[in-house]
PDB file of N, CA and C in Angstrom:
ATOM      1  N   MET A   1      13.314  19.894  12.304  1.00  0.00           N
ATOM      2  CA  MET A   1      12.825  19.027  11.253  1.00  0.00           C
ATOM      3  C   MET A   1      13.974  18.753  10.288  1.00  0.00           C
ATOM      4  N   SER A   2      14.101  17.512   9.851  1.00  0.00           N
ATOM      5  CA  SER A   2      15.190  17.175   8.943  1.00  0.00           C
ATOM      6  C   SER A   2      14.960  17.784   7.571  1.00  0.00           C
ATOM      7  N   ARG A   3      16.043  17.950   6.833  1.00  0.00           N
ATOM      8  CA  ARG A   3      15.956  18.528   5.492  1.00  0.00           C
ATOM      9  C   ARG A   3      15.110  17.632   4.586  1.00  0.00           C
ATOM     10  N   ARG A   4      15.289  16.315   4.694  1.00  0.00           N
ATOM     11  CA  ARG A   4      14.535  15.391   3.858  1.00  0.00           C
ATOM     12  C   ARG A   4      13.045  15.490   4.147  1.00  0.00           C
ATOM     13  N   ARG A   5      12.675  15.547   5.410  1.00  0.00           N
ATOM     14  CA  ARG A   5      11.263  15.654   5.770  1.00  0.00           C
ATOM     15  C   ARG A   5      10.684  16.998   5.331  1.00  0.00           C
ATOM     16  N   ALA A   6      11.457  18.064   5.485  1.00  0.00           N
ATOM     17  CA  ALA A   6      10.986  19.389   5.105  1.00  0.00           C
ATOM     18  C   ALA A   6      10.726  19.485   3.610  1.00  0.00           C
ATOM     19  N   SER A   7      11.511  18.756   2.806  1.00  0.00           N
ATOM     20  CA  SER A   7      11.334  18.829   1.357  1.00  0.00           C
ATOM     21  C   SER A   7      10.240  17.883   0.870  1.00  0.00           C
ATOM     22  N   GLY A   8       9.732  17.038   1.756  1.00  0.00           N
ATOM     23  CA  GLY A   8       8.697  16.089   1.355  1.00  0.00           C
ATOM     24  C   GLY A   8       9.269  14.853   0.698  1.00  0.00           C
ATOM     25  N   GLY A   9      10.588  14.705   0.694  1.00  0.00           N
ATOM     26  CA  GLY A   9      11.232  13.568   0.042  1.00  0.00           C
ATOM     27  C   GLY A   9      11.504  12.451   1.021  1.00  0.00           C
ATOM     28  N   GLY A  10      12.060  11.402   0.512  1.00  0.00           N
ATOM     29  CA  GLY A  10      12.420  10.279   1.353  1.00  0.00           C
ATOM     30  C   GLY A  10      12.218   8.989   0.598  1.00  0.00           C
ATOM     31  N   THR A  11      12.615   7.904   1.215  1.00  0.00           N
ATOM     32  CA  THR A  11      12.535   6.619   0.537  1.00  0.00           C
ATOM     33  C   THR A  11      11.241   5.876   0.813  1.00  0.00           C
ATOM     34  N   ASN A  12      10.441   6.331   1.754  1.00  0.00           N
ATOM     35  CA  ASN A  12       9.198   5.636   2.101  1.00  0.00           C
ATOM     36  C   ASN A  12       7.955   6.421   1.683  1.00  0.00           C
ATOM     37  N   LEU A  13       8.012   7.075   0.549  1.00  0.00           N
ATOM     38  CA  LEU A  13       6.887   7.903   0.127  1.00  0.00           C
ATOM     39  C   LEU A  13       5.618   7.083  -0.118  1.00  0.00           C
ATOM     40  N   GLY A  14       5.760   5.813  -0.460  1.00  0.00           N
ATOM     41  CA  GLY A  14       4.597   4.972  -0.703  1.00  0.00           C
ATOM     42  C   GLY A  14       4.062   4.285   0.534  1.00  0.00           C
ATOM     43  N   ARG A  15       4.743   4.435   1.652  1.00  0.00           N
ATOM     44  CA  ARG A  15       4.351   3.720   2.868  1.00  0.00           C
ATOM     45  C   ARG A  15       2.997   4.183   3.411  1.00  0.00           C
ATOM     46  N   LEU A  16       2.786   5.477   3.515  1.00  0.00           N
ATOM     47  CA  LEU A  16       1.524   5.997   4.043  1.00  0.00           C
ATOM     48  C   LEU A  16       0.338   5.563   3.183  1.00  0.00           C
ATOM     49  N   PRO A  17       0.379   5.788   1.865  1.00  0.00           N
ATOM     50  CA  PRO A  17      -0.779   5.346   1.081  1.00  0.00           C
ATOM     51  C   PRO A  17      -0.937   3.830   1.083  1.00  0.00           C
ATOM     52  N   PHE A  18       0.166   3.074   1.039  1.00  0.00           N
ATOM     53  CA  PHE A  18       0.035   1.615   1.061  1.00  0.00           C
ATOM     54  C   PHE A  18      -0.720   1.166   2.296  1.00  0.00           C
ATOM     55  N   ILE A  19      -0.304   1.647   3.449  1.00  0.00           N
ATOM     56  CA  ILE A  19      -0.924   1.212   4.692  1.00  0.00           C
ATOM     57  C   ILE A  19      -2.382   1.663   4.759  1.00  0.00           C
ATOM     58  N   SER A  20      -2.642   2.916   4.432  1.00  0.00           N
ATOM     59  CA  SER A  20      -4.018   3.417   4.490  1.00  0.00           C
ATOM     60  C   SER A  20      -4.934   2.670   3.524  1.00  0.00           C
ATOM     61  N   TYR A  21      -4.478   2.502   2.277  1.00  0.00           N
ATOM     62  CA  TYR A  21      -5.314   1.832   1.274  1.00  0.00           C
ATOM     63  C   TYR A  21      -5.439   0.337   1.536  1.00  0.00           C
ATOM     64  N   ARG A  22      -4.402  -0.274   2.079  1.00  0.00           N
ATOM     65  CA  ARG A  22      -4.462  -1.717   2.370  1.00  0.00           C
ATOM     66  C   ARG A  22      -5.462  -1.983   3.495  1.00  0.00           C
ATOM     67  N   VAL A  23      -5.469  -1.145   4.515  1.00  0.00           N
ATOM     68  CA  VAL A  23      -6.449  -1.296   5.588  1.00  0.00           C
ATOM     69  C   VAL A  23      -7.862  -1.109   5.032  1.00  0.00           C
ATOM     70  N   ALA A  24      -8.043  -0.124   4.162  1.00  0.00           N
ATOM     71  CA  ALA A  24      -9.367   0.108   3.569  1.00  0.00           C
ATOM     72  C   ALA A  24      -9.807  -1.085   2.724  1.00  0.00           C
ATOM     73  N   LEU A  25      -8.861  -1.704   2.022  1.00  0.00           N
ATOM     74  CA  LEU A  25      -9.178  -2.821   1.139  1.00  0.00           C
ATOM     75  C   LEU A  25      -9.480  -4.098   1.914  1.00  0.00           C
ATOM     76  N   THR A  26      -8.670  -4.391   2.931  1.00  0.00           N
ATOM     77  CA  THR A  26      -8.819  -5.659   3.656  1.00  0.00           C
ATOM     78  C   THR A  26      -9.653  -5.527   4.925  1.00  0.00           C
ATOM     79  N   GLY A  27      -9.648  -4.331   5.519  1.00  0.00           N
ATOM     80  CA  GLY A  27     -10.314  -4.167   6.810  1.00  0.00           C
ATOM     81  C   GLY A  27      -9.568  -4.856   7.939  1.00  0.00           C
ATOM     82  N   ASP A  28      -8.332  -5.248   7.687  1.00  0.00           N
ATOM     83  CA  ASP A  28      -7.567  -6.048   8.637  1.00  0.00           C
ATOM     84  C   ASP A  28      -6.273  -5.325   9.007  1.00  0.00           C
ATOM     85  N   VAL A  29      -6.295  -4.608  10.117  1.00  0.00           N
ATOM     86  CA  VAL A  29      -5.130  -3.834  10.550  1.00  0.00           C
ATOM     87  C   VAL A  29      -3.977  -4.754  10.927  1.00  0.00           C
ATOM     88  N   ALA A  30      -4.253  -5.861  11.596  1.00  0.00           N
ATOM     89  CA  ALA A  30      -3.185  -6.778  12.007  1.00  0.00           C
ATOM     90  C   ALA A  30      -2.459  -7.355  10.788  1.00  0.00           C
ATOM     91  N   ARG A  31      -3.199  -7.753   9.782  1.00  0.00           N
ATOM     92  CA  ARG A  31      -2.594  -8.298   8.556  1.00  0.00           C
ATOM     93  C   ARG A  31      -1.769  -7.222   7.854  1.00  0.00           C
ATOM     94  N   THR A  32      -2.312  -6.023   7.754  1.00  0.00           N
ATOM     95  CA  THR A  32      -1.599  -4.927   7.108  1.00  0.00           C
ATOM     96  C   THR A  32      -0.325  -4.598   7.878  1.00  0.00           C
ATOM     97  N   ALA A  33      -0.393  -4.619   9.195  1.00  0.00           N
ATOM     98  CA  ALA A  33       0.795  -4.362  10.014  1.00  0.00           C
ATOM     99  C   ALA A  33       1.877  -5.390   9.720  1.00  0.00           C
ATOM    100  N   LEU A  34       1.497  -6.655   9.616  1.00  0.00           N
ATOM    101  CA  LEU A  34       2.458  -7.703   9.303  1.00  0.00           C
ATOM    102  C   LEU A  34       3.063  -7.490   7.922  1.00  0.00           C
ATOM    103  N   GLU A  35       2.236  -7.179   6.937  1.00  0.00           N
ATOM    104  CA  GLU A  35       2.716  -6.955   5.569  1.00  0.00           C
ATOM    105  C   GLU A  35       3.634  -5.745   5.474  1.00  0.00           C
ATOM    106  N   ALA A  36       3.354  -4.721   6.267  1.00  0.00           N
ATOM    107  CA  ALA A  36       4.130  -3.481   6.219  1.00  0.00           C
ATOM    108  C   ALA A  36       5.329  -3.493   7.160  1.00  0.00           C
ATOM    109  N   GLY A  37       5.474  -4.554   7.951  1.00  0.00           N
ATOM    110  CA  GLY A  37       6.576  -4.598   8.905  1.00  0.00           C
ATOM    111  C   GLY A  37       6.407  -3.581  10.012  1.00  0.00           C
ATOM    112  N   ASN A  38       5.189  -3.481  10.499  1.00  0.00           N
ATOM    113  CA  ASN A  38       4.864  -2.481  11.496  1.00  0.00           C
ATOM    114  C   ASN A  38       3.964  -3.125  12.544  1.00  0.00           C
ATOM    115  N   SER A  39       3.506  -2.347  13.493  1.00  0.00           N
ATOM    116  CA  SER A  39       2.565  -2.855  14.487  1.00  0.00           C
ATOM    117  C   SER A  39       1.204  -2.203  14.264  1.00  0.00           C
ATOM    118  N   ALA A  40       0.168  -2.876  14.717  1.00  0.00           N
ATOM    119  CA  ALA A  40      -1.180  -2.307  14.618  1.00  0.00           C
ATOM    120  C   ALA A  40      -1.253  -0.993  15.389  1.00  0.00           C
ATOM    121  N   LYS A  41      -0.579  -0.924  16.508  1.00  0.00           N
ATOM    122  CA  LYS A  41      -0.574   0.296  17.323  1.00  0.00           C
ATOM    123  C   LYS A  41       0.011   1.468  16.523  1.00  0.00           C
ATOM    124  N   MET A  42       1.110   1.228  15.806  1.00  0.00           N
ATOM    125  CA  MET A  42       1.729   2.286  14.999  1.00  0.00           C
ATOM    126  C   MET A  42       0.827   2.696  13.839  1.00  0.00           C
ATOM    127  N   ILE A  43       0.128   1.737  13.266  1.00  0.00           N
ATOM    128  CA  ILE A  43      -0.787   2.071  12.170  1.00  0.00           C
ATOM    129  C   ILE A  43      -1.892   2.986  12.676  1.00  0.00           C
ATOM    130  N   PHE A  44      -2.497   2.637  13.794  1.00  0.00           N
ATOM    131  CA  PHE A  44      -3.558   3.485  14.347  1.00  0.00           C
ATOM    132  C   PHE A  44      -3.021   4.858  14.765  1.00  0.00           C
ATOM    133  N   ARG A  45      -1.802   4.899  15.232  1.00  0.00           N
ATOM    134  CA  ARG A  45      -1.236   6.155  15.730  1.00  0.00           C
ATOM    135  C   ARG A  45      -0.762   7.081  14.598  1.00  0.00           C
ATOM    136  N   HIS A  46      -0.129   6.520  13.552  1.00  0.00           N
ATOM    137  CA  HIS A  46       0.553   7.378  12.584  1.00  0.00           C
ATOM    138  C   HIS A  46       0.100   7.250  11.133  1.00  0.00           C
ATOM    139  N   TYR A  47      -0.385   6.109  10.714  1.00  0.00           N
ATOM    140  CA  TYR A  47      -0.562   5.873   9.295  1.00  0.00           C
ATOM    141  C   TYR A  47      -1.998   5.840   8.805  1.00  0.00           C
ATOM    142  N   ARG A  48      -2.908   5.530   9.653  1.00  0.00           N
ATOM    143  CA  ARG A  48      -4.255   5.226   9.192  1.00  0.00           C
ATOM    144  C   ARG A  48      -5.017   6.482   8.798  1.00  0.00           C
ATOM    145  N   GLU A  49      -5.300   6.622   7.522  1.00  0.00           N
ATOM    146  CA  GLU A  49      -6.142   7.687   6.987  1.00  0.00           C
ATOM    147  C   GLU A  49      -7.489   7.064   6.635  1.00  0.00           C
ATOM    148  N   VAL A  50      -8.540   7.830   6.690  1.00  0.00           N
ATOM    149  CA  VAL A  50      -9.847   7.323   6.303  1.00  0.00           C
ATOM    150  C   VAL A  50      -9.905   7.331   4.777  1.00  0.00           C
ATOM    151  N   VAL A  51     -10.031   6.141   4.208  1.00  0.00           N
ATOM    152  CA  VAL A  51     -10.008   5.978   2.759  1.00  0.00           C
ATOM    153  C   VAL A  51     -11.186   5.094   2.359  1.00  0.00           C
ATOM    154  N   GLU A  52     -11.851   5.477   1.293  1.00  0.00           N
ATOM    155  CA  GLU A  52     -12.946   4.662   0.757  1.00  0.00           C
ATOM    156  C   GLU A  52     -12.368   3.430   0.059  1.00  0.00           C
ATOM    157  N   PRO A  53     -13.011   2.274   0.175  1.00  0.00           N
ATOM    158  CA  PRO A  53     -12.517   1.063  -0.493  1.00  0.00           C
ATOM    159  C   PRO A  53     -12.346   1.242  -2.010  1.00  0.00           C
ATOM    160  N   GLN A  54     -13.197   2.038  -2.639  1.00  0.00           N
ATOM    161  CA  GLN A  54     -13.068   2.263  -4.085  1.00  0.00           C
ATOM    162  C   GLN A  54     -11.758   2.981  -4.413  1.00  0.00           C
ATOM    163  N   MET A  55     -11.348   3.906  -3.554  1.00  0.00           N
ATOM    164  CA  MET A  55     -10.068   4.601  -3.759  1.00  0.00           C
ATOM    165  C   MET A  55      -8.906   3.624  -3.593  1.00  0.00           C
ATOM    166  N   ALA A  56      -9.029   2.711  -2.638  1.00  0.00           N
ATOM    167  CA  ALA A  56      -7.986   1.712  -2.425  1.00  0.00           C
ATOM    168  C   ALA A  56      -7.866   0.796  -3.635  1.00  0.00           C
ATOM    169  N   GLU A  57      -8.991   0.359  -4.170  1.00  0.00           N
ATOM    170  CA  GLU A  57      -8.964  -0.493  -5.365  1.00  0.00           C
ATOM    171  C   GLU A  57      -8.306   0.231  -6.528  1.00  0.00           C
ATOM    172  N   ALA A  58      -8.609   1.502  -6.705  1.00  0.00           N
ATOM    173  CA  ALA A  58      -8.007   2.282  -7.788  1.00  0.00           C
ATOM    174  C   ALA A  58      -6.496   2.424  -7.577  1.00  0.00           C
ATOM    175  N   TRP A  59      -6.066   2.665  -6.352  1.00  0.00           N
ATOM    176  CA  TRP A  59      -4.638   2.840  -6.055  1.00  0.00           C
ATOM    177  C   TRP A  59      -3.874   1.564  -6.356  1.00  0.00           C
ATOM    178  N   PHE A  60      -4.419   0.403  -5.933  1.00  0.00           N
ATOM    179  CA  PHE A  60      -3.729  -0.865  -6.151  1.00  0.00           C
ATOM    180  C   PHE A  60      -3.826  -1.347  -7.597  1.00  0.00           C
ATOM    181  N   SER A  61      -4.681  -0.749  -8.397  1.00  0.00           N
ATOM    182  CA  SER A  61      -4.786  -1.165  -9.802  1.00  0.00           C
ATOM    183  C   SER A  61      -3.773  -0.443 -10.695  1.00  0.00           C
ATOM    184  N   ILE A  62      -3.046   0.520 -10.156  1.00  0.00           N
ATOM    185  CA  ILE A  62      -2.038   1.244 -10.940  1.00  0.00           C
ATOM    186  C   ILE A  62      -0.869   0.304 -11.216  1.00  0.00           C
ATOM    187  N   THR A  63      -0.540   0.151 -12.490  1.00  0.00           N
ATOM    188  CA  THR A  63       0.585  -0.691 -12.894  1.00  0.00           C
ATOM    189  C   THR A  63       1.411   0.039 -13.954  1.00  0.00           C
ATOM    190  N   PRO A  64       2.669  -0.315 -14.082  1.00  0.00           N
ATOM    191  CA  PRO A  64       3.482   0.304 -15.134  1.00  0.00           C
ATOM    192  C   PRO A  64       3.042  -0.190 -16.513  1.00  0.00           C
ATOM    193  N   PRO A  65       3.416   0.508 -17.561  1.00  0.00           N
ATOM    194  CA  PRO A  65       3.056   0.070 -18.903  1.00  0.00           C
ATOM    195  C   PRO A  65       3.636  -1.314 -19.205  1.00  0.00           C
ATOM    196  N   ASP A  66       2.987  -2.054 -20.080  1.00  0.00           N
ATOM    197  CA  ASP A  66       3.483  -3.375 -20.474  1.00  0.00           C
ATOM    198  C   ASP A  66       4.920  -3.279 -20.973  1.00  0.00           C
ATOM    199  N   GLY A  67       5.739  -4.193 -20.501  1.00  0.00           N
ATOM    200  CA  GLY A  67       7.121  -4.250 -20.947  1.00  0.00           C
ATOM    201  C   GLY A  67       8.082  -3.354 -20.202  1.00  0.00           C
ATOM    202  N   TRP A  68       7.595  -2.496 -19.312  1.00  0.00           N
ATOM    203  CA  TRP A  68       8.473  -1.589 -18.582  1.00  0.00           C
ATOM    204  C   TRP A  68       9.234  -2.335 -17.501  1.00  0.00           C
ATOM    205  N   LEU A  69      10.529  -2.081 -17.395  1.00  0.00           N
ATOM    206  CA  LEU A  69      11.363  -2.622 -16.333  1.00  0.00           C
ATOM    207  C   LEU A  69      12.235  -1.509 -15.778  1.00  0.00           C
ATOM    208  N   PRO A  70      12.435  -1.464 -14.467  1.00  0.00           N
ATOM    209  CA  PRO A  70      13.309  -0.442 -13.896  1.00  0.00           C
ATOM    210  C   PRO A  70      14.732  -0.621 -14.407  1.00  0.00           C
ATOM    211  N   GLY A  71      15.392   0.456 -14.731  1.00  0.00           N
ATOM    212  CA  GLY A  71      16.725   0.392 -15.298  1.00  0.00           C
ATOM    213  C   GLY A  71      17.842   0.143 -14.306  1.00  0.00           C
ATOM    214  N   GLU A  72      17.625   0.397 -13.043  1.00  0.00           N
ATOM    215  CA  GLU A  72      18.696   0.324 -12.053  1.00  0.00           C
ATOM    216  C   GLU A  72      18.771  -1.011 -11.308  1.00  0.00           C
ATOM    217  N   LEU A  73      18.007  -2.013 -11.722  1.00  0.00           N
ATOM    218  CA  LEU A  73      18.016  -3.286 -11.007  1.00  0.00           C
ATOM    219  C   LEU A  73      19.176  -4.166 -11.436  1.00  0.00           C
ATOM    220  N   LYS A  74      19.573  -5.057 -10.548  1.00  0.00           N
ATOM    221  CA  LYS A  74      20.574  -6.053 -10.916  1.00  0.00           C
ATOM    222  C   LYS A  74      19.995  -6.930 -12.018  1.00  0.00           C
ATOM    223  N   TRP A  75      20.853  -7.491 -12.824  1.00  0.00           N
ATOM    224  CA  TRP A  75      20.431  -8.288 -13.974  1.00  0.00           C
ATOM    225  C   TRP A  75      19.477  -9.416 -13.563  1.00  0.00           C
ATOM    226  N   SER A  76      19.789 -10.141 -12.482  1.00  0.00           N
ATOM    227  CA  SER A  76      18.977 -11.296 -12.098  1.00  0.00           C
ATOM    228  C   SER A  76      17.554 -10.888 -11.716  1.00  0.00           C
ATOM    229  N   ILE A  77      17.403  -9.772 -11.033  1.00  0.00           N
ATOM    230  CA  ILE A  77      16.064  -9.307 -10.648  1.00  0.00           C
ATOM    231  C   ILE A  77      15.303  -8.869 -11.889  1.00  0.00           C
ATOM    232  N   ARG A  78      15.999  -8.158 -12.787  1.00  0.00           N
ATOM    233  CA  ARG A  78      15.365  -7.707 -14.023  1.00  0.00           C
ATOM    234  C   ARG A  78      14.883  -8.903 -14.843  1.00  0.00           C
ATOM    235  N   GLU A  79      15.689  -9.964 -14.917  1.00  0.00           N
ATOM    236  CA  GLU A  79      15.297 -11.163 -15.670  1.00  0.00           C
ATOM    237  C   GLU A  79      14.099 -11.859 -15.027  1.00  0.00           C
ATOM    238  N   ARG A  80      14.067 -11.911 -13.712  1.00  0.00           N
ATOM    239  CA  ARG A  80      12.908 -12.521 -13.036  1.00  0.00           C
ATOM    240  C   ARG A  80      11.646 -11.729 -13.303  1.00  0.00           C
ATOM    241  N   LEU A  81      11.737 -10.414 -13.268  1.00  0.00           N
ATOM    242  CA  LEU A  81      10.568  -9.583 -13.573  1.00  0.00           C
ATOM    243  C   LEU A  81      10.123  -9.780 -15.014  1.00  0.00           C
ATOM    244  N   ARG A  82      11.069  -9.888 -15.924  1.00  0.00           N
ATOM    245  CA  ARG A  82      10.738 -10.097 -17.331  1.00  0.00           C
ATOM    246  C   ARG A  82      10.002 -11.423 -17.522  1.00  0.00           C
ATOM    247  N   LYS A  83      10.463 -12.488 -16.859  1.00  0.00           N
ATOM    248  CA  LYS A  83       9.807 -13.801 -16.961  1.00  0.00           C
ATOM    249  C   LYS A  83       8.394 -13.752 -16.407  1.00  0.00           C
ATOM    250  N   ILE A  84       8.218 -13.063 -15.290  1.00  0.00           N
ATOM    251  CA  ILE A  84       6.888 -12.945 -14.687  1.00  0.00           C
ATOM    252  C   ILE A  84       5.954 -12.204 -15.619  1.00  0.00           C
ATOM    253  N   SER A  85       6.432 -11.136 -16.234  1.00  0.00           N
ATOM    254  CA  SER A  85       5.551 -10.327 -17.089  1.00  0.00           C
ATOM    255  C   SER A  85       5.140 -11.067 -18.355  1.00  0.00           C
ATOM    256  N   PHE A  86       5.930 -12.038 -18.809  1.00  0.00           N
ATOM    257  CA  PHE A  86       5.567 -12.787 -20.020  1.00  0.00           C
ATOM    258  C   PHE A  86       4.597 -13.921 -19.725  1.00  0.00           C
ATOM    259  N   ARG A  87       4.382 -14.250 -18.463  1.00  0.00           N
ATOM    260  CA  ARG A  87       3.456 -15.340 -18.095  1.00  0.00           C
ATOM    261  C   ARG A  87       1.998 -14.939 -18.285  1.00  0.00           C
ATOM    262  N   LYS A  88       1.709 -13.661 -18.313  1.00  0.00           N
ATOM    263  CA  LYS A  88       0.318 -13.191 -18.373  1.00  0.00           C
ATOM    264  C   LYS A  88      -0.351 -13.542 -19.660  1.00  0.00           C
TER     265      LYS A  88
END
């Protein structure tokens, strides 16, 4: 087992919940596979957890506080995010 996997770390920590909750929310494995850059077969084999739709709605409703922007982004991406957040 790799050191990263053993420690529970990695760059795709949100992938499992995204796929599981997205399938619960939409009921559409093929669409979720396309959105996640995966195949329906891989979702059924590795990612699909049984999740209640209410839990999926709660997971997707999590947002950062108003005005928060990630500090490590390039200036242009940060400016685009800032413009989007002021449209609300």
